[in-house]
PDB file of N, CA and C in Angstrom:
ATOM      1  N   MET A   1      45.754 -43.905  98.912  1.00  0.00           N
ATOM      2  CA  MET A   1      47.079 -43.430  98.506  1.00  0.00           C
ATOM      3  C   MET A   1      46.986 -42.964  97.061  1.00  0.00           C
ATOM      4  N   SER A   2      47.736 -41.966  96.740  1.00  0.00           N
ATOM      5  CA  SER A   2      47.773 -41.469  95.378  1.00  0.00           C
ATOM      6  C   SER A   2      49.209 -41.547  94.870  1.00  0.00           C
ATOM      7  N   TYR A   3      49.397 -42.284  93.806  1.00  0.00           N
ATOM      8  CA  TYR A   3      50.737 -42.461  93.254  1.00  0.00           C
ATOM      9  C   TYR A   3      51.108 -41.297  92.334  1.00  0.00           C
ATOM     10  N   ARG A   4      52.417 -41.030  92.274  1.00  0.00           N
ATOM     11  CA  ARG A   4      52.956 -40.145  91.252  1.00  0.00           C
ATOM     12  C   ARG A   4      53.522 -41.050  90.170  1.00  0.00           C
ATOM     13  N   ILE A   5      53.150 -40.799  88.944  1.00  0.00           N
ATOM     14  CA  ILE A   5      53.512 -41.650  87.813  1.00  0.00           C
ATOM     15  C   ILE A   5      54.475 -40.880  86.923  1.00  0.00           C
ATOM     16  N   VAL A   6      55.572 -41.516  86.553  1.00  0.00           N
ATOM     17  CA  VAL A   6      56.542 -40.893  85.659  1.00  0.00           C
ATOM     18  C   VAL A   6      56.820 -41.853  84.508  1.00  0.00           C
ATOM     19  N   VAL A   7      56.669 -41.354  83.278  1.00  0.00           N
ATOM     20  CA  VAL A   7      56.980 -42.153  82.089  1.00  0.00           C
ATOM     21  C   VAL A   7      58.326 -41.679  81.549  1.00  0.00           C
ATOM     22  N   ASP A   8      59.262 -42.611  81.419  1.00  0.00           N
ATOM     23  CA  ASP A   8      60.572 -42.312  80.837  1.00  0.00           C
ATOM     24  C   ASP A   8      60.434 -42.425  79.319  1.00  0.00           C
ATOM     25  N   ARG A   9      60.348 -41.297  78.663  1.00  0.00           N
ATOM     26  CA  ARG A   9      60.127 -41.285  77.212  1.00  0.00           C
ATOM     27  C   ARG A   9      61.301 -41.859  76.433  1.00  0.00           C
ATOM     28  N   ASN A  10      62.469 -41.889  77.033  1.00  0.00           N
ATOM     29  CA  ASN A  10      63.618 -42.497  76.361  1.00  0.00           C
ATOM     30  C   ASN A  10      63.512 -44.014  76.337  1.00  0.00           C
ATOM     31  N   LYS A  11      62.862 -44.589  77.353  1.00  0.00           N
ATOM     32  CA  LYS A  11      62.693 -46.040  77.412  1.00  0.00           C
ATOM     33  C   LYS A  11      61.447 -46.516  76.665  1.00  0.00           C
ATOM     34  N   CYS A  12      60.405 -45.699  76.681  1.00  0.00           N
ATOM     35  CA  CYS A  12      59.124 -46.102  76.100  1.00  0.00           C
ATOM     36  C   CYS A  12      59.262 -46.320  74.593  1.00  0.00           C
ATOM     37  N   GLN A  13      58.737 -47.459  74.130  1.00  0.00           N
ATOM     38  CA  GLN A  13      58.731 -47.756  72.699  1.00  0.00           C
ATOM     39  C   GLN A  13      57.311 -47.915  72.171  1.00  0.00           C
ATOM     40  N   GLY A  14      56.333 -47.497  72.948  1.00  0.00           N
ATOM     41  CA  GLY A  14      54.958 -47.505  72.481  1.00  0.00           C
ATOM     42  C   GLY A  14      54.331 -48.874  72.374  1.00  0.00           C
ATOM     43  N   ILE A  15      54.782 -49.804  73.167  1.00  0.00           N
ATOM     44  CA  ILE A  15      54.239 -51.162  73.140  1.00  0.00           C
ATOM     45  C   ILE A  15      52.767 -51.161  73.546  1.00  0.00           C
ATOM     46  N   GLY A  16      52.409 -50.321  74.498  1.00  0.00           N
ATOM     47  CA  GLY A  16      51.011 -50.136  74.867  1.00  0.00           C
ATOM     48  C   GLY A  16      50.478 -51.038  75.953  1.00  0.00           C
ATOM     49  N   ALA A  17      51.340 -51.773  76.627  1.00  0.00           N
ATOM     50  CA  ALA A  17      50.865 -52.635  77.713  1.00  0.00           C
ATOM     51  C   ALA A  17      50.200 -51.818  78.810  1.00  0.00           C
ATOM     52  N   CYS A  18      50.695 -50.622  79.056  1.00  0.00           N
ATOM     53  CA  CYS A  18      50.091 -49.758  80.076  1.00  0.00           C
ATOM     54  C   CYS A  18      48.679 -49.359  79.678  1.00  0.00           C
ATOM     55  N   LEU A  19      48.467 -49.080  78.401  1.00  0.00           N
ATOM     56  CA  LEU A  19      47.143 -48.712  77.915  1.00  0.00           C
ATOM     57  C   LEU A  19      46.160 -49.858  78.052  1.00  0.00           C
ATOM     58  N   GLY A  20      46.637 -51.057  77.798  1.00  0.00           N
ATOM     59  CA  GLY A  20      45.765 -52.220  77.926  1.00  0.00           C
ATOM     60  C   GLY A  20      45.304 -52.437  79.352  1.00  0.00           C
ATOM     61  N   THR A  21      46.136 -52.050  80.308  1.00  0.00           N
ATOM     62  CA  THR A  21      45.811 -52.244  81.725  1.00  0.00           C
ATOM     63  C   THR A  21      45.078 -51.049  82.312  1.00  0.00           C
ATOM     64  N   ALA A  22      45.480 -49.856  81.945  1.00  0.00           N
ATOM     65  CA  ALA A  22      44.878 -48.638  82.515  1.00  0.00           C
ATOM     66  C   ALA A  22      44.597 -47.615  81.409  1.00  0.00           C
ATOM     67  N   PRO A  23      43.605 -47.889  80.557  1.00  0.00           N
ATOM     68  CA  PRO A  23      43.334 -46.996  79.419  1.00  0.00           C
ATOM     69  C   PRO A  23      42.826 -45.618  79.816  1.00  0.00           C
ATOM     70  N   ASP A  24      42.340 -45.457  81.030  1.00  0.00           N
ATOM     71  CA  ASP A  24      41.877 -44.150  81.468  1.00  0.00           C
ATOM     72  C   ASP A  24      43.000 -43.313  82.074  1.00  0.00           C
ATOM     73  N   VAL A  25      44.197 -43.901  82.161  1.00  0.00           N
ATOM     74  CA  VAL A  25      45.358 -43.209  82.721  1.00  0.00           C
ATOM     75  C   VAL A  25      46.369 -42.864  81.633  1.00  0.00           C
ATOM     76  N   PHE A  26      46.585 -43.788  80.702  1.00  0.00           N
ATOM     77  CA  PHE A  26      47.623 -43.640  79.678  1.00  0.00           C
ATOM     78  C   PHE A  26      47.028 -43.614  78.274  1.00  0.00           C
ATOM     79  N   GLU A  27      47.753 -42.942  77.374  1.00  0.00           N
ATOM     80  CA  GLU A  27      47.482 -43.047  75.945  1.00  0.00           C
ATOM     81  C   GLU A  27      48.802 -42.841  75.213  1.00  0.00           C
ATOM     82  N   LEU A  28      48.821 -43.140  73.931  1.00  0.00           N
ATOM     83  CA  LEU A  28      50.013 -42.896  73.127  1.00  0.00           C
ATOM     84  C   LEU A  28      49.866 -41.540  72.450  1.00  0.00           C
ATOM     85  N   ASP A  29      50.950 -40.768  72.478  1.00  0.00           N
ATOM     86  CA  ASP A  29      50.913 -39.452  71.847  1.00  0.00           C
ATOM     87  C   ASP A  29      51.272 -39.562  70.369  1.00  0.00           C
ATOM     88  N   SER A  30      51.452 -38.434  69.723  1.00  0.00           N
ATOM     89  CA  SER A  30      51.740 -38.412  68.283  1.00  0.00           C
ATOM     90  C   SER A  30      53.080 -39.049  67.926  1.00  0.00           C
ATOM     91  N   GLU A  31      53.965 -39.197  68.917  1.00  0.00           N
ATOM     92  CA  GLU A  31      55.256 -39.852  68.702  1.00  0.00           C
ATOM     93  C   GLU A  31      55.193 -41.341  69.015  1.00  0.00           C
ATOM     94  N   GLY A  32      54.011 -41.825  69.414  1.00  0.00           N
ATOM     95  CA  GLY A  32      53.859 -43.232  69.758  1.00  0.00           C
ATOM     96  C   GLY A  32      54.408 -43.574  71.132  1.00  0.00           C
ATOM     97  N   LYS A  33      54.535 -42.578  71.989  1.00  0.00           N
ATOM     98  CA  LYS A  33      55.044 -42.772  73.348  1.00  0.00           C
ATOM     99  C   LYS A  33      53.902 -42.636  74.345  1.00  0.00           C
ATOM    100  N   ALA A  34      53.978 -43.373  75.445  1.00  0.00           N
ATOM    101  CA  ALA A  34      52.950 -43.301  76.477  1.00  0.00           C
ATOM    102  C   ALA A  34      53.016 -41.965  77.191  1.00  0.00           C
ATOM    103  N   VAL A  35      51.850 -41.397  77.418  1.00  0.00           N
ATOM    104  CA  VAL A  35      51.709 -40.180  78.211  1.00  0.00           C
ATOM    105  C   VAL A  35      50.581 -40.399  79.215  1.00  0.00           C
ATOM    106  N   ILE A  36      50.639 -39.648  80.289  1.00  0.00           N
ATOM    107  CA  ILE A  36      49.626 -39.743  81.331  1.00  0.00           C
ATOM    108  C   ILE A  36      48.533 -38.736  80.992  1.00  0.00           C
ATOM    109  N   ILE A  37      47.310 -39.237  80.806  1.00  0.00           N
ATOM    110  CA  ILE A  37      46.197 -38.345  80.496  1.00  0.00           C
ATOM    111  C   ILE A  37      45.350 -38.046  81.724  1.00  0.00           C
ATOM    112  N   ASN A  38      45.375 -38.960  82.696  1.00  0.00           N
ATOM    113  CA  ASN A  38      44.598 -38.754  83.919  1.00  0.00           C
ATOM    114  C   ASN A  38      45.217 -39.605  85.032  1.00  0.00           C
ATOM    115  N   PRO A  39      46.070 -39.022  85.869  1.00  0.00           N
ATOM    116  CA  PRO A  39      46.739 -39.810  86.909  1.00  0.00           C
ATOM    117  C   PRO A  39      45.768 -40.397  87.941  1.00  0.00           C
ATOM    118  N   ASP A  40      44.546 -39.897  87.972  1.00  0.00           N
ATOM    119  CA  ASP A  40      43.531 -40.415  88.894  1.00  0.00           C
ATOM    120  C   ASP A  40      42.486 -41.262  88.166  1.00  0.00           C
ATOM    121  N   GLY A  41      42.807 -41.696  86.942  1.00  0.00           N
ATOM    122  CA  GLY A  41      41.846 -42.415  86.117  1.00  0.00           C
ATOM    123  C   GLY A  41      41.586 -43.849  86.518  1.00  0.00           C
ATOM    124  N   SER A  42      42.403 -44.409  87.379  1.00  0.00           N
ATOM    125  CA  SER A  42      42.222 -45.772  87.881  1.00  0.00           C
ATOM    126  C   SER A  42      42.710 -45.831  89.323  1.00  0.00           C
ATOM    127  N   ASP A  43      42.370 -46.920  89.980  1.00  0.00           N
ATOM    128  CA  ASP A  43      42.836 -47.097  91.357  1.00  0.00           C
ATOM    129  C   ASP A  43      44.329 -47.424  91.364  1.00  0.00           C
ATOM    130  N   ASP A  44      44.931 -47.288  92.531  1.00  0.00           N
ATOM    131  CA  ASP A  44      46.381 -47.487  92.660  1.00  0.00           C
ATOM    132  C   ASP A  44      46.826 -48.874  92.227  1.00  0.00           C
ATOM    133  N   ASP A  45      46.056 -49.899  92.541  1.00  0.00           N
ATOM    134  CA  ASP A  45      46.442 -51.266  92.154  1.00  0.00           C
ATOM    135  C   ASP A  45      46.504 -51.406  90.635  1.00  0.00           C
ATOM    136  N   THR A  46      45.560 -50.801  89.936  1.00  0.00           N
ATOM    137  CA  THR A  46      45.543 -50.864  88.475  1.00  0.00           C
ATOM    138  C   THR A  46      46.707 -50.091  87.882  1.00  0.00           C
ATOM    139  N   ILE A  47      47.001 -48.927  88.450  1.00  0.00           N
ATOM    140  CA  ILE A  47      48.132 -48.129  87.968  1.00  0.00           C
ATOM    141  C   ILE A  47      49.445 -48.877  88.179  1.00  0.00           C
ATOM    142  N   LEU A  48      49.588 -49.498  89.324  1.00  0.00           N
ATOM    143  CA  LEU A  48      50.790 -50.292  89.586  1.00  0.00           C
ATOM    144  C   LEU A  48      50.875 -51.466  88.617  1.00  0.00           C
ATOM    145  N   ALA A  49      49.763 -52.123  88.348  1.00  0.00           N
ATOM    146  CA  ALA A  49      49.741 -53.243  87.396  1.00  0.00           C
ATOM    147  C   ALA A  49      50.123 -52.771  85.995  1.00  0.00           C
ATOM    148  N   ALA A  50      49.701 -51.571  85.622  1.00  0.00           N
ATOM    149  CA  ALA A  50      50.064 -51.018  84.313  1.00  0.00           C
ATOM    150  C   ALA A  50      51.569 -50.788  84.223  1.00  0.00           C
ATOM    151  N   ALA A  51      52.155 -50.260  85.279  1.00  0.00           N
ATOM    152  CA  ALA A  51      53.608 -50.053  85.299  1.00  0.00           C
ATOM    153  C   ALA A  51      54.337 -51.386  85.221  1.00  0.00           C
ATOM    154  N   GLU A  52      53.849 -52.363  85.967  1.00  0.00           N
ATOM    155  CA  GLU A  52      54.474 -53.687  85.958  1.00  0.00           C
ATOM    156  C   GLU A  52      54.317 -54.379  84.614  1.00  0.00           C
ATOM    157  N   ALA A  53      53.285 -54.024  83.848  1.00  0.00           N
ATOM    158  CA  ALA A  53      53.055 -54.642  82.543  1.00  0.00           C
ATOM    159  C   ALA A  53      54.044 -54.169  81.485  1.00  0.00           C
ATOM    160  N   CYS A  54      54.664 -53.021  81.721  1.00  0.00           N
ATOM    161  CA  CYS A  54      55.610 -52.488  80.737  1.00  0.00           C
ATOM    162  C   CYS A  54      56.873 -53.342  80.709  1.00  0.00           C
ATOM    163  N   PRO A  55      57.158 -53.986  79.571  1.00  0.00           N
ATOM    164  CA  PRO A  55      58.337 -54.851  79.510  1.00  0.00           C
ATOM    165  C   PRO A  55      59.660 -54.088  79.557  1.00  0.00           C
ATOM    166  N   LEU A  56      59.603 -52.783  79.360  1.00  0.00           N
ATOM    167  CA  LEU A  56      60.822 -51.969  79.352  1.00  0.00           C
ATOM    168  C   LEU A  56      61.022 -51.193  80.643  1.00  0.00           C
ATOM    169  N   GLU A  57      60.104 -51.386  81.603  1.00  0.00           N
ATOM    170  CA  GLU A  57      60.150 -50.647  82.868  1.00  0.00           C
ATOM    171  C   GLU A  57      60.293 -49.147  82.635  1.00  0.00           C
ATOM    172  N   ALA A  58      59.478 -48.632  81.699  1.00  0.00           N
ATOM    173  CA  ALA A  58      59.523 -47.213  81.364  1.00  0.00           C
ATOM    174  C   ALA A  58      58.649 -46.371  82.285  1.00  0.00           C
ATOM    175  N   ILE A  59      57.889 -47.030  83.166  1.00  0.00           N
ATOM    176  CA  ILE A  59      57.000 -46.307  84.068  1.00  0.00           C
ATOM    177  C   ILE A  59      57.483 -46.499  85.495  1.00  0.00           C
ATOM    178  N   THR A  60      57.722 -45.388  86.174  1.00  0.00           N
ATOM    179  CA  THR A  60      58.132 -45.418  87.568  1.00  0.00           C
ATOM    180  C   THR A  60      56.978 -44.895  88.411  1.00  0.00           C
ATOM    181  N   ILE A  61      56.737 -45.572  89.527  1.00  0.00           N
ATOM    182  CA  ILE A  61      55.666 -45.215  90.437  1.00  0.00           C
ATOM    183  C   ILE A  61      56.268 -44.811  91.779  1.00  0.00           C
ATOM    184  N   TYR A  62      55.813 -43.668  92.291  1.00  0.00           N
ATOM    185  CA  TYR A  62      56.249 -43.158  93.596  1.00  0.00           C
ATOM    186  C   TYR A  62      55.035 -43.032  94.507  1.00  0.00           C
ATOM    187  N   ASP A  63      55.234 -43.260  95.804  1.00  0.00           N
ATOM    188  CA  ASP A  63      54.144 -43.081  96.758  1.00  0.00           C
ATOM    189  C   ASP A  63      54.063 -41.617  97.177  1.00  0.00           C
ATOM    190  N   GLU A  64      53.148 -41.309  98.087  1.00  0.00           N
ATOM    191  CA  GLU A  64      52.919 -39.926  98.511  1.00  0.00           C
ATOM    192  C   GLU A  64      54.118 -39.306  99.215  1.00  0.00           C
ATOM    193  N   GLN A  65      54.985 -40.133  99.784  1.00  0.00           N
ATOM    194  CA  GLN A  65      56.180 -39.635 100.456  1.00  0.00           C
ATOM    195  C   GLN A  65      57.371 -39.502  99.503  1.00  0.00           C
ATOM    196  N   GLY A  66      57.174 -39.835  98.235  1.00  0.00           N
ATOM    197  CA  GLY A  66      58.242 -39.734  97.245  1.00  0.00           C
ATOM    198  C   GLY A  66      59.104 -40.969  97.152  1.00  0.00           C
ATOM    199  N   GLU A  67      58.734 -42.031  97.857  1.00  0.00           N
ATOM    200  CA  GLU A  67      59.477 -43.287  97.791  1.00  0.00           C
ATOM    201  C   GLU A  67      59.107 -44.040  96.532  1.00  0.00           C
ATOM    202  N   ARG A  68      60.102 -44.581  95.850  1.00  0.00           N
ATOM    203  CA  ARG A  68      59.832 -45.339  94.637  1.00  0.00           C
ATOM    204  C   ARG A  68      59.195 -46.676  95.001  1.00  0.00           C
ATOM    205  N   ILE A  69      58.075 -46.965  94.366  1.00  0.00           N
ATOM    206  CA  ILE A  69      57.354 -48.210  94.560  1.00  0.00           C
ATOM    207  C   ILE A  69      57.735 -49.230  93.494  1.00  0.00           C
ATOM    208  N   PHE A  70      57.875 -48.759  92.238  1.00  0.00           N
ATOM    209  CA  PHE A  70      58.215 -49.629  91.108  1.00  0.00           C
ATOM    210  C   PHE A  70      58.957 -48.811  90.085  1.00  0.00           C
ATOM    211  N   PRO A  71      59.905 -49.325  89.351  1.00  0.00           N
ATOM    212  CA  PRO A  71      60.569 -50.623  89.558  1.00  0.00           C
ATOM    213  C   PRO A  71      61.578 -50.530  90.676  1.00  0.00           C
TER     214      PRO A  71
END
């Protein structure tokens, strides 16, 4: 399965929990906000864990059918 990852830049405060979990998928941009650098950089379980690690729920994960997986 391949997830679609969406970062809500209004919610993101650059805490970096997603980077700690999936550094090949996320990085912080010049504004200190998380951005997706490689949506295929980790397996689905790791990407989901990165989204779950965000204390602000700024990352939304959708499955291939467009159904929201998290949050």
